Amino acid sequence: MSLLDMLSLPSPWRHNNQVDIDFPLLTACALLMGIGLVMIASASASVAEINNGNTYHYFVRHLVYIVLALIAGGLTLFVPMSMWERHSGWLLGLAFLLLILVLLPGIGREVNGSKRWLGAGIFNIQPSELAKLFMVIFIAGYLVRRKEQVQRQFMGLVKPLVILVAMGGLLILEPDFGATVVMAGSIVVMFFLGGVGLRVSVPLLFGLCGLLWYVVQFESYRIARLTNFTNPWQDQYGSGYQLTQALISFGRGEWLGLGLGNSIQKQFFLPEAHTDFVFSVLAEELGMLGALLTLALFMFVSVRALYIGVWAEQAKKYYSAYVAYGLALLWIAQVVINLGVNTGLLPTKGLTLPFISYGGSSLVVCCISLAILLRIEWERRTLLLSTDSMSKAQIAAMAKGVRDAR
């Protein structure tokens, strides 16, 4: 199917000559992107001026990322869910290809000791973001195609588990331990929502945790992160430096914050202030009130995404339901881990905050995921409307037949 053919299909953009979109979800995500843009402009100003000679360097780049992400999301709204299901195997293969390419010398770009990016001109593409999305799309289709096997036989889980372990292995080789944890946890919960019993899901989750713990022990810096986060002040100028600076940000912000642009920690005290630790700068400048309002937006978006899955399942659109569950779980896992790291509740791990952190790949995939959720919600409603109208027509025909018989 060509792009023009796809654009001619019915979509939320033009249904009954009007835009028919879940505006509460769209508005909440737009607010999060707006907060992210403002906070990146503030958190990156000092670093951008020293490194690039332009205070607004990262702000302008992120603004470009937002435009690209909105275009990608807008086009995704035209793609029917049946097309995602039909091509889920090819998308999974593409994810594996990209994860292999990023590890090849001369192709993958190394930043801060990790090979997580593919160069695309002036931009970098992070394959792990696409891999998580495509994995959810594939597993959702598998749960529909192999429903009986998955629910009744443990062997029905062997194939997706092998794929999950293989993809997780490639992510760890980059290394990207955070993406591995997010993907594995989300997929296991998808198994449970797909009908796998607790007696299988719980041991499976513990088994994957054990495997991840085994992998952690191969790198000393991972062990240090797991042990130092409980008391970062013990080595506040060494392994605990980043976390202690983040905690200072929260303490300085108090309830109402220091005011937008007045953060001290972003002045080269807090590393990665505009990426992984942007929430700490937000808490310092907007205070606990601003942090809680942002958290409330994340809670609304996550719950709304889960409800979209529930509504799709009630409409018997099971593939769409599992995709919605998976995307919601990816968002929830990333938000929980990122905020846990920022507040010292979890070990330090590089993981972006959806819709807010600086980064093109994360933002584009977030907008694509949002568009898929909007498409699922729209298809569910249009299906119900068409079913209702058919039922009324059938009732009218039956009534006419009875009258004619009399």
Protein backbone atom coordinates (compact mmCIF):
# COMPACT_ATOMS: atom_id res chain seq x y z
CA MET A 1 0.00 0.00 0.00
CA SER A 2 1.39 3.38 -1.05
CA LEU A 3 1.51 6.45 1.18
CA LEU A 4 -1.27 8.11 -0.83
CA ASP A 5 -3.48 5.04 -0.45
CA MET A 6 -2.84 5.02 3.28
CA LEU A 7 -3.69 8.71 3.61
CA SER A 8 -6.99 8.11 1.81
CA LEU A 9 -8.12 5.59 4.44
CA PRO A 10 -10.60 6.64 7.13
CA SER A 11 -8.81 8.01 10.18
CA PRO A 12 -9.36 10.15 13.28
CA TRP A 13 -8.20 13.13 11.19
CA ARG A 14 -11.34 13.17 9.08
CA HIS A 15 -14.23 11.15 10.40
CA ASN A 16 -17.66 12.53 9.53
CA ASN A 17 -15.92 15.68 8.24
CA GLN A 18 -14.35 16.49 11.60
CA VAL A 19 -11.37 15.58 13.75
CA ASP A 20 -12.40 12.68 16.00
CA ILE A 21 -9.61 12.18 18.57
CA ASP A 22 -9.42 11.37 22.27
CA PHE A 23 -8.70 14.97 23.27
CA PRO A 24 -8.17 14.33 27.02
CA LEU A 25 -5.24 11.99 26.29
CA LEU A 26 -3.90 14.21 23.52
CA THR A 27 -4.10 17.33 25.70
CA ALA A 28 -2.32 15.69 28.65
CA CYS A 29 0.53 14.47 26.43
CA ALA A 30 0.79 17.89 24.77
CA LEU A 31 1.09 19.50 28.21
CA LEU A 32 3.89 17.08 29.11
CA MET A 33 5.73 17.95 25.88
CA GLY A 34 5.30 21.64 26.62
CA ILE A 35 6.67 21.18 30.14
CA GLY A 36 9.58 19.23 28.68
CA LEU A 37 10.41 21.95 26.16
CA VAL A 38 10.40 24.65 28.83
CA MET A 39 12.47 22.61 31.28
CA ILE A 40 15.03 21.65 28.62
CA ALA A 41 15.42 25.32 27.71
CA SER A 42 16.12 26.07 31.36
CA ALA A 43 18.17 23.00 32.34
CA SER A 44 20.46 23.03 29.29
CA ALA A 45 21.19 26.77 29.04
CA SER A 46 24.55 26.76 30.84
CA VAL A 47 25.82 23.57 29.24
CA ALA A 48 24.74 24.74 25.78
CA GLU A 49 26.49 28.08 26.17
CA ILE A 50 29.80 26.51 27.23
CA ASN A 51 29.77 23.58 24.78
CA ASN A 52 28.14 25.22 21.75
CA GLY A 53 28.34 28.96 22.31
CA ASN A 54 24.56 29.22 22.06
CA THR A 55 22.31 29.19 25.13
CA TYR A 56 19.37 27.84 23.12
CA HIS A 57 21.25 25.07 21.26
CA TYR A 58 19.48 22.13 22.93
CA PHE A 59 16.19 24.02 23.07
CA VAL A 60 16.19 24.54 19.28
CA ARG A 61 17.19 20.92 18.64
CA HIS A 62 14.45 19.65 20.92
CA LEU A 63 11.95 21.92 19.19
CA VAL A 64 12.96 20.28 15.89
CA TYR A 65 12.51 16.87 17.54
CA ILE A 66 9.01 17.87 18.60
CA VAL A 67 8.11 18.87 15.03
CA LEU A 68 9.46 15.57 13.67
CA ALA A 69 7.67 13.63 16.42
CA LEU A 70 4.36 15.36 15.66
CA ILE A 71 4.73 14.58 11.95
CA ALA A 72 5.49 10.92 12.74
CA GLY A 73 2.53 10.75 15.09
CA GLY A 74 0.22 12.46 12.60
CA LEU A 75 1.12 9.95 9.88
CA THR A 76 0.75 7.03 12.32
CA LEU A 77 -2.89 8.00 12.89
CA PHE A 78 -3.62 6.92 9.31
CA VAL A 79 -2.27 3.37 9.88
CA PRO A 80 -5.00 0.82 10.73
CA MET A 81 -4.29 -1.55 13.60
CA SER A 82 -4.75 -4.46 11.20
CA MET A 83 -1.69 -3.26 9.29
CA TRP A 84 0.44 -3.23 12.46
CA GLU A 85 -0.73 -6.78 13.21
CA ARG A 86 -0.06 -7.99 9.67
CA HIS A 87 3.49 -6.65 9.58
CA SER A 88 4.47 -7.24 13.22
CA GLY A 89 6.93 -9.99 12.26
CA TRP A 90 8.75 -7.71 9.80
CA LEU A 91 8.90 -4.93 12.38
CA LEU A 92 10.43 -7.33 14.90
CA GLY A 93 13.03 -8.35 12.32
CA LEU A 94 13.80 -4.67 11.69
CA ALA A 95 14.30 -4.14 15.43
CA PHE A 96 16.81 -7.01 15.59
CA LEU A 97 18.63 -5.66 12.53
CA LEU A 98 18.99 -2.19 14.05
CA LEU A 99 20.18 -3.61 17.38
CA ILE A 100 22.83 -5.66 15.56
CA LEU A 101 23.95 -2.71 13.41
CA VAL A 102 24.46 -0.49 16.44
CA LEU A 103 27.02 -2.98 17.80
CA LEU A 104 29.10 -3.13 14.60
CA PRO A 105 32.34 -1.11 14.58
CA GLY A 106 32.15 1.95 12.36
CA ILE A 107 28.34 1.95 12.33
CA GLY A 108 27.23 2.38 15.92
CA ARG A 109 28.09 5.62 17.69
CA GLU A 110 29.62 5.43 21.16
CA VAL A 111 28.62 8.06 23.73
CA ASN A 112 29.77 7.90 27.37
CA GLY A 113 31.03 4.36 26.90
CA SER A 114 27.80 2.96 25.43
CA LYS A 115 27.00 2.04 21.83
CA ARG A 116 23.32 2.88 21.68
CA TRP A 117 23.03 5.14 18.65
CA LEU A 118 23.09 4.98 14.87
CA GLY A 119 24.25 8.10 13.07
CA ALA A 120 21.74 9.73 10.72
CA GLY A 121 23.36 12.97 9.61
CA ILE A 122 23.22 15.54 12.39
CA PHE A 123 20.84 13.32 14.39
CA ASN A 124 21.30 10.02 16.23
CA ILE A 125 18.78 7.18 16.19
CA GLN A 126 18.46 5.02 19.30
CA PRO A 127 17.32 1.54 18.14
CA SER A 128 16.35 0.43 21.66
CA GLU A 129 13.40 2.85 21.61
CA LEU A 130 12.05 1.30 18.41
CA ALA A 131 12.85 -2.20 19.68
CA LYS A 132 10.61 -1.77 22.73
CA LEU A 133 7.73 -0.52 20.56
CA PHE A 134 8.07 -3.26 17.93
CA MET A 135 8.40 -5.93 20.62
CA VAL A 136 5.06 -4.88 22.10
CA ILE A 137 3.45 -4.91 18.65
CA PHE A 138 4.77 -8.43 17.96
CA ILE A 139 3.89 -9.91 21.36
CA ALA A 140 0.34 -8.53 21.10
CA GLY A 141 -0.12 -10.36 17.80
CA TYR A 142 1.37 -13.55 19.25
CA LEU A 143 -1.02 -13.47 22.21
CA VAL A 144 -3.94 -13.28 19.76
CA ARG A 145 -2.67 -15.93 17.32
CA ARG A 146 -1.58 -18.42 20.01
CA LYS A 147 -4.20 -17.60 22.62
CA GLU A 148 -5.04 -21.21 23.54
CA GLN A 149 -1.40 -22.31 23.69
CA VAL A 150 -0.34 -19.32 25.76
CA GLN A 151 -3.14 -19.76 28.28
CA ARG A 152 -3.02 -23.56 28.59
CA GLN A 153 0.55 -24.66 27.82
CA PHE A 154 3.87 -23.37 29.10
CA MET A 155 5.41 -24.32 25.74
CA GLY A 156 3.26 -21.62 24.20
CA LEU A 157 5.50 -19.09 25.95
CA VAL A 158 8.78 -20.59 24.80
CA LYS A 159 8.95 -18.75 21.47
CA PRO A 160 8.24 -15.24 22.84
CA LEU A 161 10.61 -15.89 25.76
CA VAL A 162 13.41 -16.88 23.41
CA ILE A 163 12.81 -13.72 21.38
CA LEU A 164 12.68 -11.62 24.57
CA VAL A 165 15.95 -13.07 25.89
CA ALA A 166 17.67 -12.62 22.52
CA MET A 167 16.61 -8.98 22.26
CA GLY A 168 17.50 -8.37 25.88
CA GLY A 169 20.95 -9.83 25.23
CA LEU A 170 21.54 -7.38 22.38
CA LEU A 171 20.43 -4.48 24.58
CA ILE A 172 22.79 -5.52 27.37
CA LEU A 173 25.68 -5.69 24.91
CA GLU A 174 25.24 -1.97 24.12
CA PRO A 175 24.91 -1.79 27.21
CA ASP A 176 21.37 -0.54 27.93
CA PHE A 177 20.29 -2.25 31.12
CA GLY A 178 17.41 0.16 31.75
CA ALA A 179 15.73 -0.55 28.41
CA THR A 180 16.12 -4.29 29.06
CA VAL A 181 14.36 -4.04 32.43
CA VAL A 182 11.54 -1.88 31.01
CA MET A 183 10.93 -4.17 28.04
CA ALA A 184 11.13 -7.45 30.00
CA GLY A 185 8.85 -6.24 32.79
CA SER A 186 6.26 -4.88 30.35
CA ILE A 187 6.19 -8.06 28.27
CA VAL A 188 5.75 -10.31 31.32
CA VAL A 189 2.78 -8.21 32.50
CA MET A 190 1.38 -8.43 28.95
CA PHE A 191 1.53 -12.23 29.27
CA PHE A 192 -0.51 -12.00 32.46
CA LEU A 193 -3.08 -9.66 30.86
CA GLY A 194 -3.20 -12.04 27.88
CA GLY A 195 -4.47 -14.87 30.09
CA VAL A 196 -1.31 -16.48 31.47
CA GLY A 197 -1.99 -17.54 35.08
CA LEU A 198 -0.19 -16.20 38.12
CA ARG A 199 1.45 -19.57 38.75
CA VAL A 200 3.31 -19.09 35.47
CA SER A 201 3.64 -15.28 35.37
CA VAL A 202 5.11 -14.84 38.86
CA PRO A 203 7.84 -17.52 38.52
CA LEU A 204 8.60 -16.16 35.06
CA LEU A 205 9.03 -12.64 36.44
CA PHE A 206 11.29 -13.89 39.24
CA GLY A 207 13.25 -15.97 36.74
CA LEU A 208 13.89 -12.94 34.54
CA CYS A 209 14.89 -10.91 37.61
CA GLY A 210 17.34 -13.66 38.55
CA LEU A 211 18.77 -13.64 35.04
CA LEU A 212 19.17 -9.86 35.12
CA TRP A 213 20.87 -10.08 38.52
CA TYR A 214 23.28 -12.66 37.08
CA VAL A 215 24.09 -10.24 34.24
CA VAL A 216 24.58 -7.35 36.68
CA GLN A 217 27.40 -9.16 38.43
CA PHE A 218 29.57 -9.14 35.29
CA GLU A 219 30.15 -5.37 35.56
CA SER A 220 31.55 -3.79 38.72
CA TYR A 221 29.94 -0.39 38.01
CA ARG A 222 26.49 -2.01 38.05
CA ILE A 223 27.17 -3.56 41.45
CA ALA A 224 28.36 -0.16 42.68
CA ARG A 225 25.12 1.47 41.52
CA LEU A 226 23.03 -1.15 43.28
CA THR A 227 24.88 -0.74 46.55
CA ASN A 228 25.62 3.00 46.60
CA PHE A 229 22.10 4.34 45.99
CA THR A 230 21.02 3.26 49.50
CA ASN A 231 23.54 5.71 50.99
CA PRO A 232 24.95 7.99 48.26
CA TRP A 233 26.36 10.42 50.86
CA GLN A 234 28.93 7.80 51.80
CA ASP A 235 30.73 8.56 48.52
CA GLN A 236 29.11 11.85 47.53
CA TYR A 237 32.02 12.96 45.32
CA GLY A 238 32.42 9.55 43.66
CA SER A 239 29.82 6.94 42.75
CA GLY A 240 27.09 8.78 44.67
CA TYR A 241 27.75 12.20 43.14
CA GLN A 242 24.91 12.30 40.61
CA LEU A 243 22.28 11.13 43.08
CA THR A 244 23.38 13.49 45.86
CA GLN A 245 23.19 16.45 43.48
CA ALA A 246 19.70 15.36 42.41
CA LEU A 247 18.59 15.12 46.04
CA ILE A 248 19.99 18.59 46.70
CA SER A 249 17.79 19.84 43.83
CA PHE A 250 14.68 18.46 45.51
CA GLY A 251 15.71 19.95 48.85
CA ARG A 252 16.36 23.40 47.39
CA GLY A 253 13.02 23.45 45.57
CA GLU A 254 10.93 22.98 48.72
CA TRP A 255 7.19 23.46 48.03
CA LEU A 256 7.00 26.28 45.46
CA GLY A 257 10.48 26.17 43.91
CA LEU A 258 13.11 28.78 43.20
CA GLY A 259 11.39 30.00 40.05
CA LEU A 260 11.80 29.04 36.41
CA GLY A 261 15.43 29.45 35.31
CA ASN A 262 16.79 29.87 38.84
CA SER A 263 18.16 26.37 39.40
CA ILE A 264 21.65 26.24 40.90
CA GLN A 265 22.21 22.52 40.37
CA LYS A 266 22.03 22.84 36.58
CA GLN A 267 25.13 25.07 36.74
CA PHE A 268 27.44 22.07 36.12
CA PHE A 269 26.68 20.48 39.51
CA LEU A 270 24.11 17.97 38.26
CA PRO A 271 25.32 15.87 35.27
CA GLU A 272 22.77 15.10 32.51
CA ALA A 273 20.50 17.84 33.85
CA HIS A 274 18.49 18.11 30.62
CA THR A 275 18.24 14.38 29.91
CA ASP A 276 17.97 11.71 32.62
CA PHE A 277 17.75 14.16 35.56
CA VAL A 278 15.53 16.86 34.10
CA PHE A 279 12.87 16.04 36.71
CA SER A 280 15.28 17.08 39.48
CA VAL A 281 15.72 20.49 37.86
CA LEU A 282 11.94 20.73 37.49
CA ALA A 283 11.51 20.02 41.21
CA GLU A 284 14.13 22.65 42.09
CA GLU A 285 12.59 25.39 39.94
CA LEU A 286 8.87 24.57 40.25
CA GLY A 287 8.97 22.98 43.68
CA MET A 288 7.09 20.00 45.05
CA LEU A 289 3.83 21.47 43.72
CA GLY A 290 5.13 21.52 40.13
CA ALA A 291 6.59 18.02 40.52
CA LEU A 292 3.29 16.64 41.84
CA LEU A 293 1.29 18.28 39.05
CA THR A 294 3.65 16.73 36.49
CA LEU A 295 3.31 13.36 38.20
CA ALA A 296 -0.49 13.77 38.10
CA LEU A 297 -0.31 14.28 34.33
CA PHE A 298 1.73 11.08 33.99
CA MET A 299 -0.79 9.20 36.12
CA PHE A 300 -3.68 10.44 34.00
CA VAL A 301 -1.92 9.50 30.74
CA SER A 302 -1.02 6.03 32.02
CA VAL A 303 -4.49 5.27 33.41
CA ARG A 304 -6.15 6.60 30.26
CA ALA A 305 -3.93 4.36 28.10
CA LEU A 306 -4.87 1.33 30.24
CA TYR A 307 -8.55 2.21 29.94
CA ILE A 308 -8.19 2.37 26.16
CA GLY A 309 -6.95 -1.21 26.35
CA VAL A 310 -9.91 -2.20 28.53
CA TRP A 311 -12.39 -0.55 26.15
CA ALA A 312 -10.81 -2.29 23.15
CA GLU A 313 -10.99 -5.65 24.93
CA GLN A 314 -14.66 -5.07 25.75
CA ALA A 315 -15.22 -4.42 22.04
CA LYS A 316 -13.46 -7.78 21.34
CA LYS A 317 -10.58 -6.05 19.56
CA TYR A 318 -8.02 -8.14 21.42
CA TYR A 319 -4.95 -7.24 19.39
CA SER A 320 -5.59 -3.53 19.89
CA ALA A 321 -6.19 -4.14 23.59
CA TYR A 322 -2.85 -5.93 24.09
CA VAL A 323 -0.99 -3.22 22.18
CA ALA A 324 -2.60 -0.53 24.37
CA TYR A 325 -1.68 -2.45 27.51
CA GLY A 326 1.90 -2.86 26.32
CA LEU A 327 2.38 0.80 25.41
CA ALA A 328 0.86 1.91 28.73
CA LEU A 329 3.18 -0.46 30.61
CA LEU A 330 6.24 0.90 28.76
CA TRP A 331 5.31 4.44 29.78
CA ILE A 332 4.57 3.43 33.38
CA ALA A 333 7.83 1.51 33.73
CA GLN A 334 9.93 4.37 32.34
CA VAL A 335 8.22 6.97 34.53
CA VAL A 336 8.57 4.84 37.67
CA ILE A 337 12.24 4.06 37.03
CA ASN A 338 13.19 7.61 36.03
CA LEU A 339 11.45 9.19 39.02
CA GLY A 340 12.79 6.45 41.28
CA VAL A 341 16.32 7.22 40.12
CA ASN A 342 15.85 10.98 40.53
CA THR A 343 14.54 10.60 44.08
CA GLY A 344 17.02 7.92 45.19
CA LEU A 345 14.45 5.14 45.47
CA LEU A 346 16.14 3.11 42.69
CA PRO A 347 19.75 2.66 41.55
CA THR A 348 21.06 5.27 39.13
CA LYS A 349 20.23 4.26 35.57
CA GLY A 350 20.12 6.24 32.37
CA LEU A 351 16.50 6.22 31.22
CA THR A 352 14.55 9.06 29.66
CA LEU A 353 11.35 10.51 31.09
CA PRO A 354 8.63 10.10 28.41
CA PHE A 355 7.64 13.33 26.58
CA ILE A 356 9.92 15.45 28.80
CA SER A 357 13.59 14.39 28.59
CA TYR A 358 15.81 15.69 25.79
CA GLY A 359 16.20 13.15 22.99
CA GLY A 360 14.79 12.74 19.52
CA SER A 361 14.34 8.96 19.40
CA SER A 362 12.46 8.82 22.69
CA LEU A 363 10.17 11.70 21.75
CA VAL A 364 9.39 10.34 18.26
CA VAL A 365 8.56 6.87 19.64
CA CYS A 366 6.43 8.43 22.39
CA CYS A 367 4.39 10.35 19.79
CA ILE A 368 4.05 7.25 17.60
CA SER A 369 2.85 5.31 20.66
CA LEU A 370 0.39 8.09 21.47
CA ALA A 371 -0.92 8.04 17.90
CA ILE A 372 -1.40 4.25 18.07
CA LEU A 373 -3.39 4.64 21.29
CA LEU A 374 -5.53 7.37 19.70
CA ARG A 375 -6.11 5.10 16.69
CA ILE A 376 -7.13 2.20 18.95
CA GLU A 377 -9.61 4.37 20.82
CA TRP A 378 -11.05 5.74 17.56
CA GLU A 379 -11.38 2.30 15.93
CA ARG A 380 -13.11 0.96 19.03
CA ARG A 381 -15.68 3.77 18.99
CA THR A 382 -16.32 3.62 15.25
CA LEU A 383 -16.76 -0.16 15.50
CA LEU A 384 -19.35 0.24 18.25
CA LEU A 385 -21.17 2.97 16.32
CA SER A 386 -21.27 0.88 13.16
CA THR A 387 -22.45 -2.15 15.15
CA ASP A 388 -25.17 -0.12 16.82
CA SER A 389 -26.37 1.31 13.51
CA MET A 390 -26.46 -2.17 11.94
CA SER A 391 -28.45 -3.47 14.86
CA LYS A 392 -31.02 -0.67 14.50
CA ALA A 393 -31.32 -1.35 10.77
CA GLN A 394 -31.82 -5.05 11.42
CA ILE A 395 -34.46 -4.30 14.06
CA ALA A 396 -36.28 -1.97 11.67
CA ALA A 397 -36.21 -4.60 8.92
CA MET A 398 -37.52 -7.26 11.26
CA ALA A 399 -40.32 -4.96 12.43
CA LYS A 400 -41.28 -4.22 8.81
CA GLY A 401 -41.33 -7.94 8.07
CA VAL A 402 -43.67 -8.58 11.00
CA ARG A 403 -46.00 -5.79 9.87
CA ASP A 404 -46.03 -7.16 6.30
CA ALA A 405 -46.83 -10.64 7.58
CA ARG A 406 -49.83 -9.29 9.45
